[in-house]
Amino acid sequence: MKTSEVRRERERQRREEYRETILHAAEDVIIRKGYSAMTMDDVAREAQYSKATLYKYFPSKGELVFEILIHFFEDIRRKLEEIQAEGRPALEKLRKSVRMIIEFNAGKENISRVLLADRGILKILRVLAPGQGGPAAPADRRLAGLLRQKRREASEKGAEILEEGVAAGDFRPVDAGAALAFIDAALMGFAHNRTWFDRGADTGLSADTFFDFIMHGIGKKD
């Protein structure tokens, strides 16, 4: 690799590390204070960066929120890619994927509760519902589009595991996209209920129960 390429790669890694640190700092501040009460000064202090550095990566509180959500889906897609690459049957990949998502959501319960309850967040995310709350700024539309893209990329990885299982005979023939839509909706509802009503539930037992529920729908029938 050329010296210039090495330098560019190091710079890319440095930017990514800065971005990760800022996003985690913002999550911590939001959990403690709520989104509406959070300031960019708070995030800069939590990340131990200057405000100039913070604004270089994230020009506003609203963009920080979008990037936090985008980062959630990037993490899920990466974890699903790792599971998909493992040399195991699709049935076990699906089981592991379900457990991963339930555990991931459980790890994000604190910030999820804050984001769901803060009216300031709802104003920021109105761009995800066209026609609601007036015209959105171009930057918000761009970030909303990127959020949808990252969510779609994560979903596509899940669909590939289902398609692999159908092809191998592990699952009965189903439309992978339609089946995933139901599984995704059920997982979201499961996470929502756990966030508000059942935070002490054992994630391993919950994952096994949920997987059994899924297999009643797509499992191969003898």
C-alpha atoms as a PDB file:
ATOM      1  CA  MET A   1       0.000   0.000   0.000  1.00  0.00           C
ATOM      2  CA  LYS A   2       1.307   3.429  -0.931  1.00  0.00           C
ATOM      3  CA  THR A   3       2.225   5.949   1.743  1.00  0.00           C
ATOM      4  CA  SER A   4      -0.618   8.234   0.642  1.00  0.00           C
ATOM      5  CA  GLU A   5      -3.108   5.362   0.892  1.00  0.00           C
ATOM      6  CA  VAL A   6      -1.862   4.457   4.372  1.00  0.00           C
ATOM      7  CA  ARG A   7      -2.236   8.084   5.422  1.00  0.00           C
ATOM      8  CA  ARG A   8      -5.798   8.242   4.069  1.00  0.00           C
ATOM      9  CA  GLU A   9      -6.741   5.021   5.827  1.00  0.00           C
ATOM     10  CA  ARG A  10      -5.337   6.264   9.115  1.00  0.00           C
ATOM     11  CA  GLU A  11      -7.253   9.503   8.712  1.00  0.00           C
ATOM     12  CA  ARG A  12     -10.456   7.572   7.960  1.00  0.00           C
ATOM     13  CA  GLN A  13      -9.977   5.452  11.082  1.00  0.00           C
ATOM     14  CA  ARG A  14      -9.282   8.550  13.165  1.00  0.00           C
ATOM     15  CA  ARG A  15     -12.473  10.234  11.934  1.00  0.00           C
ATOM     16  CA  GLU A  16     -14.466   7.097  12.660  1.00  0.00           C
ATOM     17  CA  GLU A  17     -13.053   6.894  16.191  1.00  0.00           C
ATOM     18  CA  TYR A  18     -13.959  10.555  16.801  1.00  0.00           C
ATOM     19  CA  ARG A  19     -17.445   9.951  15.451  1.00  0.00           C
ATOM     20  CA  GLU A  20     -17.940   6.880  17.653  1.00  0.00           C
ATOM     21  CA  THR A  21     -16.742   8.717  20.760  1.00  0.00           C
ATOM     22  CA  ILE A  22     -19.079  11.655  20.132  1.00  0.00           C
ATOM     23  CA  LEU A  23     -22.103   9.436  19.478  1.00  0.00           C
ATOM     24  CA  HIS A  24     -21.547   7.429  22.661  1.00  0.00           C
ATOM     25  CA  ALA A  25     -21.070  10.671  24.603  1.00  0.00           C
ATOM     26  CA  ALA A  26     -24.332  12.030  23.199  1.00  0.00           C
ATOM     27  CA  GLU A  27     -26.161   8.834  24.185  1.00  0.00           C
ATOM     28  CA  ASP A  28     -24.865   9.147  27.758  1.00  0.00           C
ATOM     29  CA  VAL A  29     -25.928  12.802  27.992  1.00  0.00           C
ATOM     30  CA  ILE A  30     -29.374  12.084  26.556  1.00  0.00           C
ATOM     31  CA  ILE A  31     -29.889   9.283  29.086  1.00  0.00           C
ATOM     32  CA  ARG A  32     -28.951  11.582  31.976  1.00  0.00           C
ATOM     33  CA  LYS A  33     -30.611  14.825  30.902  1.00  0.00           C
ATOM     34  CA  GLY A  34     -33.004  14.053  28.043  1.00  0.00           C
ATOM     35  CA  TYR A  35     -32.697  15.320  24.507  1.00  0.00           C
ATOM     36  CA  SER A  36     -34.445  18.652  25.023  1.00  0.00           C
ATOM     37  CA  ALA A  37     -32.190  19.595  27.962  1.00  0.00           C
ATOM     38  CA  MET A  38     -28.998  18.413  26.272  1.00  0.00           C
ATOM     39  CA  THR A  39     -26.648  21.038  24.835  1.00  0.00           C
ATOM     40  CA  MET A  40     -23.758  20.667  22.441  1.00  0.00           C
ATOM     41  CA  ASP A  41     -21.543  21.921  25.282  1.00  0.00           C
ATOM     42  CA  ASP A  42     -22.680  18.906  27.316  1.00  0.00           C
ATOM     43  CA  VAL A  43     -21.711  16.521  24.539  1.00  0.00           C
ATOM     44  CA  ALA A  44     -18.326  18.176  23.997  1.00  0.00           C
ATOM     45  CA  ARG A  45     -17.520  17.897  27.724  1.00  0.00           C
ATOM     46  CA  GLU A  46     -18.670  14.257  27.846  1.00  0.00           C
ATOM     47  CA  ALA A  47     -16.578  13.356  24.788  1.00  0.00           C
ATOM     48  CA  GLN A  48     -13.651  15.466  26.068  1.00  0.00           C
ATOM     49  CA  TYR A  49     -13.391  17.227  22.723  1.00  0.00           C
ATOM     50  CA  SER A  50     -13.525  20.896  21.877  1.00  0.00           C
ATOM     51  CA  LYS A  51     -16.766  22.354  20.551  1.00  0.00           C
ATOM     52  CA  ALA A  52     -14.948  23.064  17.298  1.00  0.00           C
ATOM     53  CA  THR A  53     -14.206  19.351  16.893  1.00  0.00           C
ATOM     54  CA  LEU A  54     -17.775  18.430  17.811  1.00  0.00           C
ATOM     55  CA  TYR A  55     -19.294  20.814  15.256  1.00  0.00           C
ATOM     56  CA  LYS A  56     -16.878  19.544  12.610  1.00  0.00           C
ATOM     57  CA  TYR A  57     -18.573  16.160  12.803  1.00  0.00           C
ATOM     58  CA  PHE A  58     -22.110  17.065  13.894  1.00  0.00           C
ATOM     59  CA  PRO A  59     -23.424  20.588  13.204  1.00  0.00           C
ATOM     60  CA  SER A  60     -26.587  20.275  15.321  1.00  0.00           C
ATOM     61  CA  LYS A  61     -28.395  18.332  18.034  1.00  0.00           C
ATOM     62  CA  GLY A  62     -30.886  17.080  15.475  1.00  0.00           C
ATOM     63  CA  GLU A  63     -28.141  15.602  13.316  1.00  0.00           C
ATOM     64  CA  LEU A  64     -26.689  13.884  16.389  1.00  0.00           C
ATOM     65  CA  VAL A  65     -30.014  12.125  17.000  1.00  0.00           C
ATOM     66  CA  PHE A  66     -30.264  10.951  13.404  1.00  0.00           C
ATOM     67  CA  GLU A  67     -26.680   9.715  13.513  1.00  0.00           C
ATOM     68  CA  ILE A  68     -27.316   7.803  16.754  1.00  0.00           C
ATOM     69  CA  LEU A  69     -30.211   5.978  15.096  1.00  0.00           C
ATOM     70  CA  ILE A  70     -28.215   5.419  11.913  1.00  0.00           C
ATOM     71  CA  HIS A  71     -25.408   3.971  14.013  1.00  0.00           C
ATOM     72  CA  PHE A  72     -27.860   1.533  15.625  1.00  0.00           C
ATOM     73  CA  PHE A  73     -28.733   0.050  12.235  1.00  0.00           C
ATOM     74  CA  GLU A  74     -25.096   0.040  11.110  1.00  0.00           C
ATOM     75  CA  ASP A  75     -24.234  -2.035  14.183  1.00  0.00           C
ATOM     76  CA  ILE A  76     -27.091  -4.461  13.551  1.00  0.00           C
ATOM     77  CA  ARG A  77     -26.169  -4.878   9.874  1.00  0.00           C
ATOM     78  CA  ARG A  78     -22.529  -5.547  10.774  1.00  0.00           C
ATOM     79  CA  LYS A  79     -23.497  -8.144  13.385  1.00  0.00           C
ATOM     80  CA  LEU A  80     -25.880  -9.843  10.932  1.00  0.00           C
ATOM     81  CA  GLU A  81     -23.115  -9.944   8.315  1.00  0.00           C
ATOM     82  CA  GLU A  82     -20.834 -11.677  10.818  1.00  0.00           C
ATOM     83  CA  ILE A  83     -23.536 -14.229  11.651  1.00  0.00           C
ATOM     84  CA  GLN A  84     -24.317 -14.833   7.983  1.00  0.00           C
ATOM     85  CA  ALA A  85     -20.644 -15.535   7.234  1.00  0.00           C
ATOM     86  CA  GLU A  86     -20.453 -18.292   9.847  1.00  0.00           C
ATOM     87  CA  GLY A  87     -20.355 -21.866   8.617  1.00  0.00           C
ATOM     88  CA  ARG A  88     -23.523 -23.079  10.290  1.00  0.00           C
ATOM     89  CA  PRO A  89     -27.052 -23.975   9.105  1.00  0.00           C
ATOM     90  CA  ALA A  90     -29.465 -21.136   8.431  1.00  0.00           C
ATOM     91  CA  LEU A  91     -31.632 -22.374  11.294  1.00  0.00           C
ATOM     92  CA  GLU A  92     -28.829 -21.656  13.772  1.00  0.00           C
ATOM     93  CA  LYS A  93     -28.005 -18.365  12.070  1.00  0.00           C
ATOM     94  CA  LEU A  94     -31.598 -17.250  12.527  1.00  0.00           C
ATOM     95  CA  ARG A  95     -31.599 -18.338  16.164  1.00  0.00           C
ATOM     96  CA  LYS A  96     -28.372 -16.409  16.787  1.00  0.00           C
ATOM     97  CA  SER A  97     -29.701 -13.367  14.905  1.00  0.00           C
ATOM     98  CA  VAL A  98     -32.854 -13.261  17.026  1.00  0.00           C
ATOM     99  CA  ARG A  99     -30.815 -13.488  20.218  1.00  0.00           C
ATOM    100  CA  MET A 100     -28.423 -10.780  18.995  1.00  0.00           C
ATOM    101  CA  ILE A 101     -31.229  -8.338  18.187  1.00  0.00           C
ATOM    102  CA  ILE A 102     -33.039  -8.935  21.491  1.00  0.00           C
ATOM    103  CA  GLU A 103     -29.794  -8.454  23.426  1.00  0.00           C
ATOM    104  CA  PHE A 104     -28.902  -5.378  21.347  1.00  0.00           C
ATOM    105  CA  ASN A 105     -32.284  -3.793  22.044  1.00  0.00           C
ATOM    106  CA  ALA A 106     -31.970  -4.648  25.735  1.00  0.00           C
ATOM    107  CA  GLY A 107     -28.639  -2.837  25.808  1.00  0.00           C
ATOM    108  CA  LYS A 108     -30.306   0.260  24.333  1.00  0.00           C
ATOM    109  CA  GLU A 109     -33.326   0.325  26.647  1.00  0.00           C
ATOM    110  CA  ASN A 110     -32.285   3.392  28.619  1.00  0.00           C
ATOM    111  CA  ILE A 111     -31.821   5.643  25.620  1.00  0.00           C
ATOM    112  CA  SER A 112     -34.855   4.151  23.871  1.00  0.00           C
ATOM    113  CA  ARG A 113     -37.079   5.163  26.789  1.00  0.00           C
ATOM    114  CA  VAL A 114     -35.783   8.732  26.628  1.00  0.00           C
ATOM    115  CA  LEU A 115     -36.096   9.007  22.848  1.00  0.00           C
ATOM    116  CA  LEU A 116     -39.652   7.678  22.896  1.00  0.00           C
ATOM    117  CA  ALA A 117     -40.753  10.095  25.613  1.00  0.00           C
ATOM    118  CA  ASP A 118     -39.068  13.347  24.550  1.00  0.00           C
ATOM    119  CA  ARG A 119     -41.260  15.718  22.527  1.00  0.00           C
ATOM    120  CA  GLY A 120     -38.188  17.376  21.092  1.00  0.00           C
ATOM    121  CA  ILE A 121     -37.253  14.074  19.456  1.00  0.00           C
ATOM    122  CA  LEU A 122     -40.694  13.776  17.891  1.00  0.00           C
ATOM    123  CA  LYS A 123     -40.264  17.190  16.273  1.00  0.00           C
ATOM    124  CA  ILE A 124     -36.895  16.177  14.845  1.00  0.00           C
ATOM    125  CA  LEU A 125     -38.171  12.859  13.501  1.00  0.00           C
ATOM    126  CA  ARG A 126     -41.326  14.308  11.918  1.00  0.00           C
ATOM    127  CA  VAL A 127     -39.474  14.190   8.597  1.00  0.00           C
ATOM    128  CA  LEU A 128     -39.934  10.406   8.660  1.00  0.00           C
ATOM    129  CA  ALA A 129     -43.693  10.988   8.311  1.00  0.00           C
ATOM    130  CA  PRO A 130     -44.166  13.087   5.154  1.00  0.00           C
ATOM    131  CA  GLY A 131     -46.796  15.770   5.479  1.00  0.00           C
ATOM    132  CA  GLN A 132     -46.494  16.003   9.259  1.00  0.00           C
ATOM    133  CA  GLY A 133     -45.204  19.121  10.989  1.00  0.00           C
ATOM    134  CA  GLY A 134     -44.526  21.278   7.932  1.00  0.00           C
ATOM    135  CA  PRO A 135     -41.659  21.212   5.427  1.00  0.00           C
ATOM    136  CA  ALA A 136     -38.376  19.644   6.538  1.00  0.00           C
ATOM    137  CA  ALA A 137     -34.926  21.121   6.083  1.00  0.00           C
ATOM    138  CA  PRO A 138     -32.808  19.582   3.282  1.00  0.00           C
ATOM    139  CA  ALA A 139     -30.289  18.245   5.831  1.00  0.00           C
ATOM    140  CA  ASP A 140     -33.078  16.501   7.752  1.00  0.00           C
ATOM    141  CA  ARG A 141     -34.437  14.962   4.552  1.00  0.00           C
ATOM    142  CA  ARG A 142     -30.976  13.724   3.649  1.00  0.00           C
ATOM    143  CA  LEU A 143     -30.454  12.159   7.070  1.00  0.00           C
ATOM    144  CA  ALA A 144     -33.933  10.622   7.034  1.00  0.00           C
ATOM    145  CA  GLY A 145     -33.121   9.053   3.678  1.00  0.00           C
ATOM    146  CA  LEU A 146     -29.833   7.715   5.045  1.00  0.00           C
ATOM    147  CA  LEU A 147     -31.631   6.310   8.095  1.00  0.00           C
ATOM    148  CA  ARG A 148     -34.105   4.468   5.874  1.00  0.00           C
ATOM    149  CA  GLN A 149     -31.221   3.164   3.752  1.00  0.00           C
ATOM    150  CA  LYS A 150     -29.318   1.813   6.774  1.00  0.00           C
ATOM    151  CA  ARG A 151     -32.456   0.163   8.104  1.00  0.00           C
ATOM    152  CA  ARG A 152     -33.114  -1.396   4.698  1.00  0.00           C
ATOM    153  CA  GLU A 153     -29.524  -2.704   4.498  1.00  0.00           C
ATOM    154  CA  ALA A 154     -29.886  -4.366   7.896  1.00  0.00           C
ATOM    155  CA  SER A 155     -33.198  -5.911   6.853  1.00  0.00           C
ATOM    156  CA  GLU A 156     -31.674  -7.244   3.633  1.00  0.00           C
ATOM    157  CA  LYS A 157     -29.095  -9.187   5.649  1.00  0.00           C
ATOM    158  CA  GLY A 158     -31.887 -10.792   7.640  1.00  0.00           C
ATOM    159  CA  ALA A 159     -33.765 -11.658   4.458  1.00  0.00           C
ATOM    160  CA  GLU A 160     -30.664 -13.339   3.042  1.00  0.00           C
ATOM    161  CA  ILE A 161     -30.543 -15.671   6.048  1.00  0.00           C
ATOM    162  CA  LEU A 162     -34.194 -16.583   5.487  1.00  0.00           C
ATOM    163  CA  GLU A 163     -33.595 -17.191   1.768  1.00  0.00           C
ATOM    164  CA  GLU A 164     -30.622 -19.404   2.609  1.00  0.00           C
ATOM    165  CA  GLY A 165     -32.801 -21.430   4.959  1.00  0.00           C
ATOM    166  CA  VAL A 166     -35.555 -21.853   2.390  1.00  0.00           C
ATOM    167  CA  ALA A 167     -33.038 -22.982  -0.238  1.00  0.00           C
ATOM    168  CA  ALA A 168     -31.506 -25.495   2.185  1.00  0.00           C
ATOM    169  CA  GLY A 169     -34.891 -26.863   3.230  1.00  0.00           C
ATOM    170  CA  ASP A 170     -34.521 -25.628   6.817  1.00  0.00           C
ATOM    171  CA  PHE A 171     -37.597 -23.419   6.402  1.00  0.00           C
ATOM    172  CA  ARG A 172     -40.723 -23.980   4.408  1.00  0.00           C
ATOM    173  CA  PRO A 173     -41.050 -21.940   1.178  1.00  0.00           C
ATOM    174  CA  VAL A 174     -41.923 -18.379   2.128  1.00  0.00           C
ATOM    175  CA  ASP A 175     -41.479 -14.911   0.682  1.00  0.00           C
ATOM    176  CA  ALA A 176     -38.362 -13.861   2.613  1.00  0.00           C
ATOM    177  CA  GLY A 177     -39.209 -10.166   2.431  1.00  0.00           C
ATOM    178  CA  ALA A 178     -42.758 -10.645   3.714  1.00  0.00           C
ATOM    179  CA  ALA A 179     -41.661 -13.069   6.442  1.00  0.00           C
ATOM    180  CA  LEU A 180     -38.946 -10.676   7.568  1.00  0.00           C
ATOM    181  CA  ALA A 181     -41.426  -7.793   7.710  1.00  0.00           C
ATOM    182  CA  PHE A 182     -43.547  -9.756  10.196  1.00  0.00           C
ATOM    183  CA  ILE A 183     -40.512 -10.876  12.213  1.00  0.00           C
ATOM    184  CA  ASP A 184     -39.160  -7.330  12.273  1.00  0.00           C
ATOM    185  CA  ALA A 185     -42.486  -5.897  13.424  1.00  0.00           C
ATOM    186  CA  ALA A 186     -42.784  -8.555  16.126  1.00  0.00           C
ATOM    187  CA  LEU A 187     -39.242  -7.875  17.356  1.00  0.00           C
ATOM    188  CA  MET A 188     -39.972  -4.140  17.521  1.00  0.00           C
ATOM    189  CA  GLY A 189     -43.122  -4.773  19.510  1.00  0.00           C
ATOM    190  CA  PHE A 190     -41.256  -7.193  21.762  1.00  0.00           C
ATOM    191  CA  ALA A 191     -38.544  -4.590  22.425  1.00  0.00           C
ATOM    192  CA  HIS A 192     -41.160  -1.884  23.061  1.00  0.00           C
ATOM    193  CA  ASN A 193     -42.975  -3.993  25.649  1.00  0.00           C
ATOM    194  CA  ARG A 194     -39.711  -4.963  27.325  1.00  0.00           C
ATOM    195  CA  THR A 195     -38.581  -1.327  27.456  1.00  0.00           C
ATOM    196  CA  TRP A 196     -41.722  -0.210  29.264  1.00  0.00           C
ATOM    197  CA  PHE A 197     -43.062  -3.209  31.146  1.00  0.00           C
ATOM    198  CA  ASP A 198     -40.617  -6.122  31.470  1.00  0.00           C
ATOM    199  CA  ARG A 199     -37.106  -4.762  31.808  1.00  0.00           C
ATOM    200  CA  GLY A 200     -36.019  -7.510  34.188  1.00  0.00           C
ATOM    201  CA  ALA A 201     -36.770 -10.379  31.798  1.00  0.00           C
ATOM    202  CA  ASP A 202     -33.947 -12.786  30.969  1.00  0.00           C
ATOM    203  CA  THR A 203     -32.800 -11.986  27.423  1.00  0.00           C
ATOM    204  CA  GLY A 204     -31.657 -15.555  26.693  1.00  0.00           C
ATOM    205  CA  LEU A 205     -34.997 -17.053  27.675  1.00  0.00           C
ATOM    206  CA  SER A 206     -36.820 -14.298  25.789  1.00  0.00           C
ATOM    207  CA  ALA A 207     -34.759 -14.997  22.658  1.00  0.00           C
ATOM    208  CA  ASP A 208     -35.483 -18.740  22.811  1.00  0.00           C
ATOM    209  CA  THR A 209     -39.207 -18.110  23.296  1.00  0.00           C
ATOM    210  CA  PHE A 210     -39.298 -15.650  20.422  1.00  0.00           C
ATOM    211  CA  PHE A 211     -37.360 -17.995  18.130  1.00  0.00           C
ATOM    212  CA  ASP A 212     -39.819 -20.826  18.856  1.00  0.00           C
ATOM    213  CA  PHE A 213     -42.662 -18.434  17.997  1.00  0.00           C
ATOM    214  CA  ILE A 214     -41.044 -17.615  14.648  1.00  0.00           C
ATOM    215  CA  MET A 215     -40.461 -21.260  13.817  1.00  0.00           C
ATOM    216  CA  HIS A 216     -44.163 -22.014  14.241  1.00  0.00           C
ATOM    217  CA  GLY A 217     -44.620 -19.799  11.206  1.00  0.00           C
ATOM    218  CA  ILE A 218     -41.688 -20.625   8.935  1.00  0.00           C
ATOM    219  CA  GLY A 219     -40.381 -23.924  10.262  1.00  0.00           C
ATOM    220  CA  LYS A 220     -40.324 -26.884   7.920  1.00  0.00           C
ATOM    221  CA  LYS A 221     -43.433 -28.997   8.456  1.00  0.00           C
ATOM    222  CA  ASP A 222     -43.026 -32.785   8.691  1.00  0.00           C
END
